[in-house]
C-alpha atoms as a PDB file:
ATOM      1  CA  MET A   1       0.000   0.000   0.000  1.00  0.00           C
ATOM      2  CA  LYS A   2       1.051   3.537  -0.717  1.00  0.00           C
ATOM      3  CA  ARG A   3      -0.193   6.636   1.014  1.00  0.00           C
ATOM      4  CA  VAL A   4      -1.412   9.384  -1.309  1.00  0.00           C
ATOM      5  CA  THR A   5      -2.893  12.782  -0.678  1.00  0.00           C
ATOM      6  CA  VAL A   6      -5.973  13.700  -2.682  1.00  0.00           C
ATOM      7  CA  THR A   7      -7.590  17.124  -2.665  1.00  0.00           C
ATOM      8  CA  LEU A   8     -11.351  17.139  -3.205  1.00  0.00           C
ATOM      9  CA  PRO A   9     -13.988  19.876  -3.088  1.00  0.00           C
ATOM     10  CA  ASP A  10     -15.786  20.216   0.266  1.00  0.00           C
ATOM     11  CA  ASP A  11     -19.159  19.180  -1.133  1.00  0.00           C
ATOM     12  CA  ILE A  12     -17.689  15.938  -2.519  1.00  0.00           C
ATOM     13  CA  VAL A  13     -16.090  15.100   0.854  1.00  0.00           C
ATOM     14  CA  LYS A  14     -19.407  15.753   2.617  1.00  0.00           C
ATOM     15  CA  GLU A  15     -21.169  13.436   0.176  1.00  0.00           C
ATOM     16  CA  ILE A  16     -18.538  10.716   0.689  1.00  0.00           C
ATOM     17  CA  ASP A  17     -18.892  11.053   4.460  1.00  0.00           C
ATOM     18  CA  ARG A  18     -22.654  10.679   4.112  1.00  0.00           C
ATOM     19  CA  TRP A  19     -22.215   7.263   2.495  1.00  0.00           C
ATOM     20  CA  GLU A  20     -18.995   5.895   4.002  1.00  0.00           C
ATOM     21  CA  SER A  21     -17.168   6.454   7.276  1.00  0.00           C
ATOM     22  CA  ASN A  22     -13.879   5.237   5.778  1.00  0.00           C
ATOM     23  CA  ARG A  23     -12.916   7.753   3.101  1.00  0.00           C
ATOM     24  CA  SER A  24      -9.912   5.711   1.989  1.00  0.00           C
ATOM     25  CA  ARG A  25     -12.082   2.672   1.308  1.00  0.00           C
ATOM     26  CA  PHE A  26     -14.558   4.807  -0.638  1.00  0.00           C
ATOM     27  CA  VAL A  27     -11.810   6.338  -2.779  1.00  0.00           C
ATOM     28  CA  LEU A  28     -10.243   2.898  -3.335  1.00  0.00           C
ATOM     29  CA  VAL A  29     -13.523   1.346  -4.518  1.00  0.00           C
ATOM     30  CA  ALA A  30     -14.303   4.334  -6.737  1.00  0.00           C
ATOM     31  CA  THR A  31     -10.802   4.204  -8.240  1.00  0.00           C
ATOM     32  CA  GLU A  32     -11.016   0.444  -8.887  1.00  0.00           C
ATOM     33  CA  ARG A  33     -14.362   0.914 -10.647  1.00  0.00           C
ATOM     34  CA  GLU A  34     -13.016   3.745 -12.779  1.00  0.00           C
ATOM     35  CA  LEU A  35      -9.931   1.741 -13.763  1.00  0.00           C
ATOM     36  CA  GLU A  36     -12.085  -1.257 -14.707  1.00  0.00           C
ATOM     37  CA  LEU A  37     -14.327   1.009 -16.786  1.00  0.00           C
ATOM     38  CA  ARG A  38     -11.322   2.449 -18.609  1.00  0.00           C
ATOM     39  CA  ARG A  39      -9.847  -1.022 -19.261  1.00  0.00           C
ATOM     40  CA  ARG A  40     -13.189  -2.163 -20.663  1.00  0.00           C
ATOM     41  CA  GLN A  41     -13.437   0.941 -22.853  1.00  0.00           C
ATOM     42  CA  GLU A  42      -9.916   0.339 -24.159  1.00  0.00           C
ATOM     43  CA  LEU A  43     -10.764  -3.289 -24.953  1.00  0.00           C
ATOM     44  CA  GLU A  44     -13.927  -2.210 -26.783  1.00  0.00           C
ATOM     45  CA  ARG A  45     -11.916   0.373 -28.734  1.00  0.00           C
ATOM     46  CA  SER A  46      -9.376  -2.302 -29.634  1.00  0.00           C
ATOM     47  CA  LEU A  47     -12.117  -4.677 -30.791  1.00  0.00           C
ATOM     48  CA  ARG A  48     -13.651  -1.955 -32.979  1.00  0.00           C
ATOM     49  CA  ASN A  49     -10.237  -1.096 -34.470  1.00  0.00           C
ATOM     50  CA  PRO A  50      -8.140  -4.277 -34.382  1.00  0.00           C
ATOM     51  CA  HIS A  51      -4.421  -4.293 -35.076  1.00  0.00           C
ATOM     52  CA  PRO A  52      -3.732  -4.953 -38.783  1.00  0.00           C
ATOM     53  CA  GLU A  53      -2.004  -8.271 -37.976  1.00  0.00           C
ATOM     54  CA  SER A  54      -5.130  -9.449 -36.129  1.00  0.00           C
ATOM     55  CA  SER A  55      -7.260  -8.604 -39.156  1.00  0.00           C
ATOM     56  CA  ARG A  56      -4.963 -10.597 -41.443  1.00  0.00           C
ATOM     57  CA  VAL A  57      -5.163 -13.622 -39.124  1.00  0.00           C
ATOM     58  CA  ALA A  58      -8.958 -13.400 -39.009  1.00  0.00           C
ATOM     59  CA  GLU A  59      -9.208 -13.097 -42.784  1.00  0.00           C
ATOM     60  CA  ALA A  60      -6.768 -15.936 -43.479  1.00  0.00           C
ATOM     61  CA  GLY A  61      -8.051 -18.215 -40.765  1.00  0.00           C
ATOM     62  CA  ILE A  62      -5.860 -19.495 -37.966  1.00  0.00           C
ATOM     63  CA  GLU A  63      -4.892 -22.698 -39.824  1.00  0.00           C
ATOM     64  CA  GLU A  64      -3.586 -20.867 -42.872  1.00  0.00           C
ATOM     65  CA  TRP A  65      -1.925 -18.152 -40.780  1.00  0.00           C
ATOM     66  CA  GLY A  66      -0.014 -20.692 -38.706  1.00  0.00           C
ATOM     67  CA  SER A  67       0.907 -22.986 -41.590  1.00  0.00           C
ATOM     68  CA  ASP A  68       3.983 -20.989 -42.602  1.00  0.00           C
ATOM     69  CA  ARG A  69       5.130 -20.154 -39.074  1.00  0.00           C
ATOM     70  CA  ASN A  70       7.154 -23.335 -38.559  1.00  0.00           C
ATOM     71  CA  GLN A  71       8.997 -23.397 -41.884  1.00  0.00           C
ATOM     72  CA  GLY A  72      12.622 -24.182 -41.080  1.00  0.00           C
ATOM     73  CA  ASP A  73      11.974 -24.744 -37.376  1.00  0.00           C
ATOM     74  CA  GLU A  74      11.741 -28.538 -37.509  1.00  0.00           C
ATOM     75  CA  ASP A  75      15.199 -29.062 -35.976  1.00  0.00           C
ATOM     76  CA  LEU A  76      14.649 -26.806 -32.937  1.00  0.00           C
ATOM     77  CA  LEU A  77      13.339 -29.673 -30.810  1.00  0.00           C
ATOM     78  CA  GLY A  78      14.150 -33.341 -31.139  1.00  0.00           C
ATOM     79  CA  SER A  79      10.918 -35.330 -31.379  1.00  0.00           C
ATOM     80  CA  HIS A  80      12.308 -38.011 -29.033  1.00  0.00           C
ATOM     81  CA  ALA A  81      13.983 -35.640 -26.564  1.00  0.00           C
ATOM     82  CA  GLY A  82      11.118 -35.347 -24.086  1.00  0.00           C
ATOM     83  CA  ARG A  83       9.099 -37.660 -21.879  1.00  0.00           C
ATOM     84  CA  ALA A  84       5.348 -38.151 -22.068  1.00  0.00           C
ATOM     85  CA  VAL A  85       3.629 -36.715 -19.012  1.00  0.00           C
ATOM     86  CA  ARG A  86       0.069 -36.348 -17.796  1.00  0.00           C
ATOM     87  CA  TRP A  87      -1.556 -34.109 -15.194  1.00  0.00           C
ATOM     88  CA  SER A  88      -3.143 -35.617 -12.118  1.00  0.00           C
ATOM     89  CA  PRO A  89      -5.174 -33.292  -9.861  1.00  0.00           C
ATOM     90  CA  ASP A  90      -4.065 -35.336  -6.852  1.00  0.00           C
ATOM     91  CA  ALA A  91      -0.365 -35.764  -7.657  1.00  0.00           C
ATOM     92  CA  GLY A  92       0.548 -33.083 -10.226  1.00  0.00           C
ATOM     93  CA  TRP A  93       2.571 -33.915 -13.341  1.00  0.00           C
ATOM     94  CA  GLN A  94       3.310 -37.636 -13.720  1.00  0.00           C
ATOM     95  CA  VAL A  95       5.585 -39.364 -16.206  1.00  0.00           C
ATOM     96  CA  GLU A  96       3.345 -41.632 -18.267  1.00  0.00           C
ATOM     97  CA  GLY A  97       3.901 -45.350 -17.783  1.00  0.00           C
ATOM     98  CA  SER A  98       5.287 -45.004 -14.251  1.00  0.00           C
END
């Protein structure tokens, strides 16, 4: 937590005090709501005006877009270098066959 000083008009402080005895909590909740609103507005703006690369992916389709991404990358990972594993909610990652 950080301490900040905020200057507000008297009538706003009186209104806050009418609704909440803890001014800090009131300002925190109001700030969180405003930040969430702004994040949502930014997301909506981004969806209305997507990045050009996103538009190309959508137009091409994900399969076609990804088909040329691995050209020349086949030797980056040996196909037999790893071990098969599975997730168990009780025990975590388990090597298959053990």
